[in-house]
Amino acid sequence: MDCADVRAALLRGERPEGAEAAAHLSTCAACMTLVESPGLVRALAEEPRRAAPDVEGLLARTLASVDGERGTAATMRALATPVRIGLALLVAVAVPLVVLAVTPRPDLGIVPPGRFALDVVLYAGPAIAALAVALWPMQRTVSARTRGLVAFTCVLAAACVAALPPLHRHSGVPDDAFAMRALACFLFGTIAAVPAFAILRVLAREGRSVGTKAGVLGLAAALSGSAAVFLHCPITMPGHLWAGHFVVLVPAAIWALVHARGRV
């Protein structure tokens, strides 16, 4: 007698008897638990069985999605994961560096180096994590909880930059120019985020729907744009940072919400 025989007998309402049953029960704690807990056996019998997954259908849809990709997108998504992450990171870092080289903030000479480095790290660290999660191989699925944690970290890091004390006290915004300066920085950062977003969107192996990766994908690009405007704008007042720099994340969040209905 084996475990299947014991369960079959219990489901028929019979208690396993005989030498073979006794021998098996003496060595199988699981079956002994079932014998001593008839309520558990009934609960297992009444539990609805889940429908078998449509593996063939899933495979067919996946192959169709892959076959439907053509041109540059197919070529870039076929690259190895380290190459795709490296390429995305290169673009995400290149945009702020180009801004720093072409239109740097004019107060770099009086900015405390340690505090400046802290702000840069707050932008860069979560962005790198988000890039890796957004481009992670599909066969090594990252949990939705991990993606949510990384997305939250991106938002928290940008909020920290805006909430920290000003870098210095030598830059303010006249009240009559506050809205215009904030709008200008928002547009500057959003436009600067576009290259990273475009590259990420092409490299993400999720077909036309990026699903729950949308949050980290969009926020990774948004942090690149926020870093770019941070390296360009000399205004250090928290009100301006919230209204002009932090809000660069808003379009990414909206895009993520719209696309979050895709596959997990």
C-alpha atoms as a PDB file:
ATOM      1  CA  MET A   1       0.000   0.000   0.000  1.00  0.00           C
ATOM      2  CA  ASP A   2       1.233   3.498  -0.826  1.00  0.00           C
ATOM      3  CA  CYS A   3       0.094   7.094  -0.261  1.00  0.00           C
ATOM      4  CA  ALA A   4      -2.328   7.032  -3.215  1.00  0.00           C
ATOM      5  CA  ASP A   5      -4.026   3.895  -1.848  1.00  0.00           C
ATOM      6  CA  VAL A   6      -4.420   5.480   1.584  1.00  0.00           C
ATOM      7  CA  ARG A   7      -5.979   8.622   0.194  1.00  0.00           C
ATOM      8  CA  ALA A   8      -8.299   6.662  -2.091  1.00  0.00           C
ATOM      9  CA  ALA A   9      -9.531   4.625   0.863  1.00  0.00           C
ATOM     10  CA  LEU A  10     -10.084   7.715   2.974  1.00  0.00           C
ATOM     11  CA  LEU A  11     -12.024   9.405   0.168  1.00  0.00           C
ATOM     12  CA  ARG A  12     -14.287   6.330   0.028  1.00  0.00           C
ATOM     13  CA  GLY A  13     -14.907   6.755   3.753  1.00  0.00           C
ATOM     14  CA  GLU A  14     -12.865   3.701   4.671  1.00  0.00           C
ATOM     15  CA  ARG A  15     -10.043   3.500   7.193  1.00  0.00           C
ATOM     16  CA  PRO A  16      -6.977   1.672   5.842  1.00  0.00           C
ATOM     17  CA  GLU A  17      -6.702  -1.705   7.531  1.00  0.00           C
ATOM     18  CA  GLY A  18      -4.360  -4.641   7.400  1.00  0.00           C
ATOM     19  CA  ALA A  19      -0.678  -5.354   7.708  1.00  0.00           C
ATOM     20  CA  GLU A  20       0.294  -3.416   4.570  1.00  0.00           C
ATOM     21  CA  ALA A  21      -1.631  -0.348   5.720  1.00  0.00           C
ATOM     22  CA  ALA A  22      -0.090  -0.550   9.182  1.00  0.00           C
ATOM     23  CA  ALA A  23       3.403  -0.894   7.719  1.00  0.00           C
ATOM     24  CA  HIS A  24       2.910   2.117   5.478  1.00  0.00           C
ATOM     25  CA  LEU A  25       1.370   4.300   8.180  1.00  0.00           C
ATOM     26  CA  SER A  26       4.221   3.496  10.547  1.00  0.00           C
ATOM     27  CA  THR A  27       6.683   5.105   8.129  1.00  0.00           C
ATOM     28  CA  CYS A  28       4.568   7.872   6.527  1.00  0.00           C
ATOM     29  CA  ALA A  29       3.711  10.765   8.820  1.00  0.00           C
ATOM     30  CA  ALA A  30       1.668  12.495   6.097  1.00  0.00           C
ATOM     31  CA  CYS A  31      -0.696   9.553   5.642  1.00  0.00           C
ATOM     32  CA  MET A  32      -0.996   9.102   9.382  1.00  0.00           C
ATOM     33  CA  THR A  33      -2.036  12.751   9.664  1.00  0.00           C
ATOM     34  CA  LEU A  34      -4.746  12.169   7.047  1.00  0.00           C
ATOM     35  CA  VAL A  35      -6.000   9.049   8.813  1.00  0.00           C
ATOM     36  CA  GLU A  36      -6.250  10.925  12.087  1.00  0.00           C
ATOM     37  CA  SER A  37      -7.893  13.990  10.485  1.00  0.00           C
ATOM     38  CA  PRO A  38     -10.909  12.897   8.418  1.00  0.00           C
ATOM     39  CA  GLY A  39     -12.080  16.511   8.170  1.00  0.00           C
ATOM     40  CA  LEU A  40      -8.883  17.396   6.331  1.00  0.00           C
ATOM     41  CA  VAL A  41      -9.480  14.616   3.811  1.00  0.00           C
ATOM     42  CA  ARG A  42     -12.991  15.866   3.083  1.00  0.00           C
ATOM     43  CA  ALA A  43     -11.711  19.407   2.662  1.00  0.00           C
ATOM     44  CA  LEU A  44      -9.102  18.226   0.171  1.00  0.00           C
ATOM     45  CA  ALA A  45     -11.738  16.273  -1.743  1.00  0.00           C
ATOM     46  CA  GLU A  46     -14.060  19.271  -1.936  1.00  0.00           C
ATOM     47  CA  GLU A  47     -11.359  21.717  -2.973  1.00  0.00           C
ATOM     48  CA  PRO A  48     -12.030  22.796  -6.567  1.00  0.00           C
ATOM     49  CA  ARG A  49      -9.312  21.824  -8.946  1.00  0.00           C
ATOM     50  CA  ARG A  50      -7.644  24.559 -10.929  1.00  0.00           C
ATOM     51  CA  ALA A  51      -7.869  24.364 -14.662  1.00  0.00           C
ATOM     52  CA  ALA A  52      -4.684  23.188 -16.284  1.00  0.00           C
ATOM     53  CA  PRO A  53      -2.746  26.100 -17.821  1.00  0.00           C
ATOM     54  CA  ASP A  54      -2.957  26.434 -21.555  1.00  0.00           C
ATOM     55  CA  VAL A  55       0.756  25.914 -22.138  1.00  0.00           C
ATOM     56  CA  GLU A  56       0.401  25.346 -25.872  1.00  0.00           C
ATOM     57  CA  GLY A  57      -1.682  28.490 -26.268  1.00  0.00           C
ATOM     58  CA  LEU A  58       0.803  30.551 -24.259  1.00  0.00           C
ATOM     59  CA  LEU A  59       3.689  29.232 -26.347  1.00  0.00           C
ATOM     60  CA  ALA A  60       1.848  30.027 -29.568  1.00  0.00           C
ATOM     61  CA  ARG A  61       1.112  33.597 -28.441  1.00  0.00           C
ATOM     62  CA  THR A  62       4.720  34.122 -27.347  1.00  0.00           C
ATOM     63  CA  LEU A  63       6.121  32.842 -30.644  1.00  0.00           C
ATOM     64  CA  ALA A  64       3.662  34.995 -32.579  1.00  0.00           C
ATOM     65  CA  SER A  65       4.753  38.044 -30.590  1.00  0.00           C
ATOM     66  CA  VAL A  66       8.411  37.303 -31.289  1.00  0.00           C
ATOM     67  CA  ASP A  67       7.766  36.657 -34.986  1.00  0.00           C
ATOM     68  CA  GLY A  68       5.844  39.939 -35.167  1.00  0.00           C
ATOM     69  CA  GLU A  69       8.895  41.963 -34.168  1.00  0.00           C
ATOM     70  CA  ARG A  70      10.885  43.301 -37.054  1.00  0.00           C
ATOM     71  CA  GLY A  71      13.682  45.766 -37.700  1.00  0.00           C
ATOM     72  CA  THR A  72      15.585  47.678 -35.035  1.00  0.00           C
ATOM     73  CA  ALA A  73      13.354  46.644 -32.123  1.00  0.00           C
ATOM     74  CA  ALA A  74      13.818  42.940 -32.857  1.00  0.00           C
ATOM     75  CA  THR A  75      17.575  43.373 -33.209  1.00  0.00           C
ATOM     76  CA  MET A  76      17.955  45.322 -29.967  1.00  0.00           C
ATOM     77  CA  ARG A  77      15.715  43.005 -27.940  1.00  0.00           C
ATOM     78  CA  ALA A  78      17.753  40.044 -29.159  1.00  0.00           C
ATOM     79  CA  LEU A  79      20.872  41.447 -27.473  1.00  0.00           C
ATOM     80  CA  ALA A  80      22.120  39.783 -24.312  1.00  0.00           C
ATOM     81  CA  THR A  81      20.718  41.231 -21.083  1.00  0.00           C
ATOM     82  CA  PRO A  82      24.035  42.781 -19.897  1.00  0.00           C
ATOM     83  CA  VAL A  83      24.395  44.486 -23.276  1.00  0.00           C
ATOM     84  CA  ARG A  84      20.834  45.831 -23.185  1.00  0.00           C
ATOM     85  CA  ILE A  85      21.238  47.134 -19.627  1.00  0.00           C
ATOM     86  CA  GLY A  86      24.595  48.670 -20.505  1.00  0.00           C
ATOM     87  CA  LEU A  87      23.166  50.393 -23.570  1.00  0.00           C
ATOM     88  CA  ALA A  88      20.220  51.775 -21.615  1.00  0.00           C
ATOM     89  CA  LEU A  89      22.521  52.941 -18.837  1.00  0.00           C
ATOM     90  CA  LEU A  90      24.792  54.622 -21.362  1.00  0.00           C
ATOM     91  CA  VAL A  91      21.909  56.662 -22.770  1.00  0.00           C
ATOM     92  CA  ALA A  92      20.453  57.457 -19.333  1.00  0.00           C
ATOM     93  CA  VAL A  93      23.828  58.768 -18.149  1.00  0.00           C
ATOM     94  CA  ALA A  94      24.796  60.443 -21.426  1.00  0.00           C
ATOM     95  CA  VAL A  95      21.840  62.864 -21.455  1.00  0.00           C
ATOM     96  CA  PRO A  96      22.618  64.491 -18.060  1.00  0.00           C
ATOM     97  CA  LEU A  97      26.321  64.577 -18.938  1.00  0.00           C
ATOM     98  CA  VAL A  98      25.610  66.319 -22.240  1.00  0.00           C
ATOM     99  CA  VAL A  99      23.468  68.860 -20.382  1.00  0.00           C
ATOM    100  CA  LEU A 100      26.275  69.358 -17.860  1.00  0.00           C
ATOM    101  CA  ALA A 101      28.776  69.901 -20.680  1.00  0.00           C
ATOM    102  CA  VAL A 102      26.627  72.175 -22.864  1.00  0.00           C
ATOM    103  CA  THR A 103      24.431  74.126 -20.418  1.00  0.00           C
ATOM    104  CA  PRO A 104      25.814  73.529 -16.894  1.00  0.00           C
ATOM    105  CA  ARG A 105      24.270  75.216 -13.880  1.00  0.00           C
ATOM    106  CA  PRO A 106      26.205  78.463 -13.289  1.00  0.00           C
ATOM    107  CA  ASP A 107      26.576  77.946  -9.532  1.00  0.00           C
ATOM    108  CA  LEU A 108      28.818  74.859  -9.690  1.00  0.00           C
ATOM    109  CA  GLY A 109      31.671  76.860  -8.172  1.00  0.00           C
ATOM    110  CA  ILE A 110      29.813  77.485  -4.910  1.00  0.00           C
ATOM    111  CA  VAL A 111      27.916  74.185  -4.572  1.00  0.00           C
ATOM    112  CA  PRO A 112      29.206  72.058  -1.637  1.00  0.00           C
ATOM    113  CA  PRO A 113      30.842  68.988  -3.289  1.00  0.00           C
ATOM    114  CA  GLY A 114      29.593  66.485  -0.712  1.00  0.00           C
ATOM    115  CA  ARG A 115      26.000  67.607  -0.906  1.00  0.00           C
ATOM    116  CA  PHE A 116      26.165  67.804  -4.711  1.00  0.00           C
ATOM    117  CA  ALA A 117      27.470  64.216  -4.824  1.00  0.00           C
ATOM    118  CA  LEU A 118      24.632  63.103  -2.526  1.00  0.00           C
ATOM    119  CA  ASP A 119      21.996  64.533  -4.856  1.00  0.00           C
ATOM    120  CA  VAL A 120      23.630  62.871  -7.865  1.00  0.00           C
ATOM    121  CA  VAL A 121      23.700  59.507  -6.064  1.00  0.00           C
ATOM    122  CA  LEU A 122      20.030  59.884  -5.121  1.00  0.00           C
ATOM    123  CA  TYR A 123      19.200  60.214  -8.797  1.00  0.00           C
ATOM    124  CA  ALA A 124      21.634  57.594 -10.098  1.00  0.00           C
ATOM    125  CA  GLY A 125      21.170  54.709  -7.643  1.00  0.00           C
ATOM    126  CA  PRO A 126      17.420  54.105  -8.065  1.00  0.00           C
ATOM    127  CA  ALA A 127      17.686  54.795 -11.797  1.00  0.00           C
ATOM    128  CA  ILE A 128      20.253  52.010 -12.227  1.00  0.00           C
ATOM    129  CA  ALA A 129      18.093  49.598 -10.212  1.00  0.00           C
ATOM    130  CA  ALA A 130      15.051  50.522 -12.288  1.00  0.00           C
ATOM    131  CA  LEU A 131      16.974  49.981 -15.537  1.00  0.00           C
ATOM    132  CA  ALA A 132      17.997  46.495 -14.437  1.00  0.00           C
ATOM    133  CA  VAL A 133      14.459  45.553 -13.358  1.00  0.00           C
ATOM    134  CA  ALA A 134      12.868  46.950 -16.521  1.00  0.00           C
ATOM    135  CA  LEU A 135      15.251  44.990 -18.761  1.00  0.00           C
ATOM    136  CA  TRP A 136      15.468  41.786 -16.698  1.00  0.00           C
ATOM    137  CA  PRO A 137      15.131  38.566 -18.715  1.00  0.00           C
ATOM    138  CA  MET A 138      11.534  37.384 -19.092  1.00  0.00           C
ATOM    139  CA  GLN A 139      12.493  33.838 -18.075  1.00  0.00           C
ATOM    140  CA  ARG A 140      13.776  35.166 -14.733  1.00  0.00           C
ATOM    141  CA  THR A 141      10.666  37.012 -13.698  1.00  0.00           C
ATOM    142  CA  VAL A 142      11.048  39.785 -11.145  1.00  0.00           C
ATOM    143  CA  SER A 143       8.124  39.801  -8.737  1.00  0.00           C
ATOM    144  CA  ALA A 144       5.566  42.596  -8.843  1.00  0.00           C
ATOM    145  CA  ARG A 145       6.500  43.374  -5.247  1.00  0.00           C
ATOM    146  CA  THR A 146      10.141  43.952  -6.223  1.00  0.00           C
ATOM    147  CA  ARG A 147       9.128  46.153  -9.139  1.00  0.00           C
ATOM    148  CA  GLY A 148       6.846  48.144  -6.868  1.00  0.00           C
ATOM    149  CA  LEU A 149       9.618  48.579  -4.305  1.00  0.00           C
ATOM    150  CA  VAL A 150      12.046  49.824  -6.960  1.00  0.00           C
ATOM    151  CA  ALA A 151       9.437  52.235  -8.358  1.00  0.00           C
ATOM    152  CA  PHE A 152       8.746  53.548  -4.850  1.00  0.00           C
ATOM    153  CA  THR A 153      12.490  54.030  -4.303  1.00  0.00           C
ATOM    154  CA  CYS A 154      12.707  56.095  -7.496  1.00  0.00           C
ATOM    155  CA  VAL A 155       9.929  58.405  -6.325  1.00  0.00           C
ATOM    156  CA  LEU A 156      11.360  58.597  -2.808  1.00  0.00           C
ATOM    157  CA  ALA A 157      14.826  59.515  -4.082  1.00  0.00           C
ATOM    158  CA  ALA A 158      13.472  62.355  -6.246  1.00  0.00           C
ATOM    159  CA  ALA A 159      11.380  63.545  -3.303  1.00  0.00           C
ATOM    160  CA  CYS A 160      14.451  63.536  -1.055  1.00  0.00           C
ATOM    161  CA  VAL A 161      16.354  65.767  -3.486  1.00  0.00           C
ATOM    162  CA  ALA A 162      13.467  68.241  -3.456  1.00  0.00           C
ATOM    163  CA  ALA A 163      12.965  68.090   0.320  1.00  0.00           C
ATOM    164  CA  LEU A 164      16.582  68.444   1.425  1.00  0.00           C
ATOM    165  CA  PRO A 165      17.797  71.895   2.542  1.00  0.00           C
ATOM    166  CA  PRO A 166      18.885  74.169  -0.340  1.00  0.00           C
ATOM    167  CA  LEU A 167      22.355  73.616  -1.743  1.00  0.00           C
ATOM    168  CA  HIS A 168      23.084  77.278  -0.979  1.00  0.00           C
ATOM    169  CA  ARG A 169      21.222  80.496  -0.271  1.00  0.00           C
ATOM    170  CA  HIS A 170      22.331  82.484  -3.285  1.00  0.00           C
ATOM    171  CA  SER A 171      19.582  81.496  -5.686  1.00  0.00           C
ATOM    172  CA  GLY A 172      15.904  82.255  -5.435  1.00  0.00           C
ATOM    173  CA  VAL A 173      12.957  82.889  -7.735  1.00  0.00           C
ATOM    174  CA  PRO A 174      10.971  86.127  -7.818  1.00  0.00           C
ATOM    175  CA  ASP A 175       7.329  85.518  -6.966  1.00  0.00           C
ATOM    176  CA  ASP A 176       6.161  86.774 -10.336  1.00  0.00           C
ATOM    177  CA  ALA A 177       8.462  84.335 -12.172  1.00  0.00           C
ATOM    178  CA  PHE A 178       7.887  81.225 -10.034  1.00  0.00           C
ATOM    179  CA  ALA A 179       5.331  79.546 -12.297  1.00  0.00           C
ATOM    180  CA  MET A 180       7.224  80.253 -15.515  1.00  0.00           C
ATOM    181  CA  ARG A 181      10.541  79.006 -14.113  1.00  0.00           C
ATOM    182  CA  ALA A 182       8.907  75.850 -12.762  1.00  0.00           C
ATOM    183  CA  LEU A 183       7.173  75.173 -16.094  1.00  0.00           C
ATOM    184  CA  ALA A 184      10.430  75.729 -17.985  1.00  0.00           C
ATOM    185  CA  CYS A 185      12.277  73.213 -15.799  1.00  0.00           C
ATOM    186  CA  PHE A 186       9.443  70.691 -16.063  1.00  0.00           C
ATOM    187  CA  LEU A 187       9.522  70.881 -19.868  1.00  0.00           C
ATOM    188  CA  PHE A 188      13.335  70.764 -19.934  1.00  0.00           C
ATOM    189  CA  GLY A 189      13.449  67.646 -17.739  1.00  0.00           C
ATOM    190  CA  THR A 190      10.620  65.915 -19.597  1.00  0.00           C
ATOM    191  CA  ILE A 191      12.275  66.487 -22.977  1.00  0.00           C
ATOM    192  CA  ALA A 192      15.615  65.291 -21.558  1.00  0.00           C
ATOM    193  CA  ALA A 193      13.941  62.063 -20.399  1.00  0.00           C
ATOM    194  CA  VAL A 194      12.711  61.195 -23.900  1.00  0.00           C
ATOM    195  CA  PRO A 195      15.961  59.595 -25.227  1.00  0.00           C
ATOM    196  CA  ALA A 196      16.253  57.235 -22.247  1.00  0.00           C
ATOM    197  CA  PHE A 197      12.558  56.401 -22.457  1.00  0.00           C
ATOM    198  CA  ALA A 198      12.755  55.644 -26.191  1.00  0.00           C
ATOM    199  CA  ILE A 199      15.758  53.341 -25.748  1.00  0.00           C
ATOM    200  CA  LEU A 200      14.211  51.581 -22.766  1.00  0.00           C
ATOM    201  CA  ARG A 201      10.943  51.103 -24.605  1.00  0.00           C
ATOM    202  CA  VAL A 202      12.707  49.446 -27.515  1.00  0.00           C
ATOM    203  CA  LEU A 203      14.936  47.269 -25.336  1.00  0.00           C
ATOM    204  CA  ALA A 204      12.207  45.985 -22.984  1.00  0.00           C
ATOM    205  CA  ARG A 205      11.303  42.390 -23.859  1.00  0.00           C
ATOM    206  CA  GLU A 206       7.604  42.708 -23.232  1.00  0.00           C
ATOM    207  CA  GLY A 207       6.257  43.145 -26.735  1.00  0.00           C
ATOM    208  CA  ARG A 208       3.720  45.906 -27.218  1.00  0.00           C
ATOM    209  CA  SER A 209       2.576  45.808 -23.605  1.00  0.00           C
ATOM    210  CA  VAL A 210       5.184  46.330 -20.909  1.00  0.00           C
ATOM    211  CA  GLY A 211       2.757  45.354 -18.178  1.00  0.00           C
ATOM    212  CA  THR A 212       3.779  46.031 -14.604  1.00  0.00           C
ATOM    213  CA  LYS A 213       7.303  46.852 -15.750  1.00  0.00           C
ATOM    214  CA  ALA A 214       5.834  50.132 -16.994  1.00  0.00           C
ATOM    215  CA  GLY A 215       6.376  51.825 -13.649  1.00  0.00           C
ATOM    216  CA  VAL A 216      10.086  51.161 -13.328  1.00  0.00           C
ATOM    217  CA  LEU A 217      10.656  51.672 -17.047  1.00  0.00           C
ATOM    218  CA  GLY A 218       9.057  55.108 -17.085  1.00  0.00           C
ATOM    219  CA  LEU A 219      10.546  56.218 -13.782  1.00  0.00           C
ATOM    220  CA  ALA A 220      14.059  55.187 -14.819  1.00  0.00           C
ATOM    221  CA  ALA A 221      13.791  57.506 -17.813  1.00  0.00           C
ATOM    222  CA  ALA A 222      12.194  60.232 -15.689  1.00  0.00           C
ATOM    223  CA  LEU A 223      15.096  60.160 -13.216  1.00  0.00           C
ATOM    224  CA  SER A 224      17.463  60.682 -16.128  1.00  0.00           C
ATOM    225  CA  GLY A 225      15.466  63.769 -17.093  1.00  0.00           C
ATOM    226  CA  SER A 226      15.304  65.019 -13.499  1.00  0.00           C
ATOM    227  CA  ALA A 227      19.062  64.615 -13.156  1.00  0.00           C
ATOM    228  CA  ALA A 228      19.532  66.572 -16.372  1.00  0.00           C
ATOM    229  CA  VAL A 229      17.471  69.528 -15.180  1.00  0.00           C
ATOM    230  CA  PHE A 230      19.208  69.361 -11.783  1.00  0.00           C
ATOM    231  CA  LEU A 231      22.576  69.766 -13.536  1.00  0.00           C
ATOM    232  CA  HIS A 232      21.205  72.688 -15.569  1.00  0.00           C
ATOM    233  CA  CYS A 233      19.094  74.726 -13.139  1.00  0.00           C
ATOM    234  CA  PRO A 234      20.776  76.839 -10.395  1.00  0.00           C
ATOM    235  CA  ILE A 235      17.571  77.436  -8.415  1.00  0.00           C
ATOM    236  CA  THR A 236      17.858  75.713  -5.060  1.00  0.00           C
ATOM    237  CA  MET A 237      14.619  76.616  -3.281  1.00  0.00           C
ATOM    238  CA  PRO A 238      12.526  73.541  -2.311  1.00  0.00           C
ATOM    239  CA  GLY A 239       9.325  75.029  -3.733  1.00  0.00           C
ATOM    240  CA  HIS A 240      10.886  75.276  -7.174  1.00  0.00           C
ATOM    241  CA  LEU A 241      12.423  71.802  -6.922  1.00  0.00           C
ATOM    242  CA  TRP A 242       9.011  70.296  -6.147  1.00  0.00           C
ATOM    243  CA  ALA A 243       7.144  72.269  -8.821  1.00  0.00           C
ATOM    244  CA  GLY A 244       9.788  72.145 -11.554  1.00  0.00           C
ATOM    245  CA  HIS A 245      12.055  69.126 -10.980  1.00  0.00           C
ATOM    246  CA  PHE A 246      10.128  66.474  -9.062  1.00  0.00           C
ATOM    247  CA  VAL A 247       7.089  66.763 -11.354  1.00  0.00           C
ATOM    248  CA  VAL A 248       9.180  65.383 -14.232  1.00  0.00           C
ATOM    249  CA  LEU A 249       8.193  62.004 -12.762  1.00  0.00           C
ATOM    250  CA  VAL A 250       4.478  62.723 -13.228  1.00  0.00           C
ATOM    251  CA  PRO A 251       4.243  61.933 -16.995  1.00  0.00           C
ATOM    252  CA  ALA A 252       6.096  58.655 -16.346  1.00  0.00           C
ATOM    253  CA  ALA A 253       3.675  57.756 -13.563  1.00  0.00           C
ATOM    254  CA  ILE A 254       0.669  58.524 -15.771  1.00  0.00           C
ATOM    255  CA  TRP A 255       2.089  56.441 -18.618  1.00  0.00           C
ATOM    256  CA  ALA A 256       2.755  53.582 -16.199  1.00  0.00           C
ATOM    257  CA  LEU A 257      -0.815  53.645 -14.885  1.00  0.00           C
ATOM    258  CA  VAL A 258      -2.206  53.554 -18.417  1.00  0.00           C
ATOM    259  CA  HIS A 259      -0.057  50.552 -19.353  1.00  0.00           C
ATOM    260  CA  ALA A 260      -0.186  48.672 -16.052  1.00  0.00           C
ATOM    261  CA  ARG A 261      -3.095  46.599 -17.325  1.00  0.00           C
ATOM    262  CA  GLY A 262      -0.745  44.568 -19.496  1.00  0.00           C
ATOM    263  CA  ARG A 263       0.566  41.180 -18.490  1.00  0.00           C
ATOM    264  CA  VAL A 264       2.384  40.836 -15.177  1.00  0.00           C
END
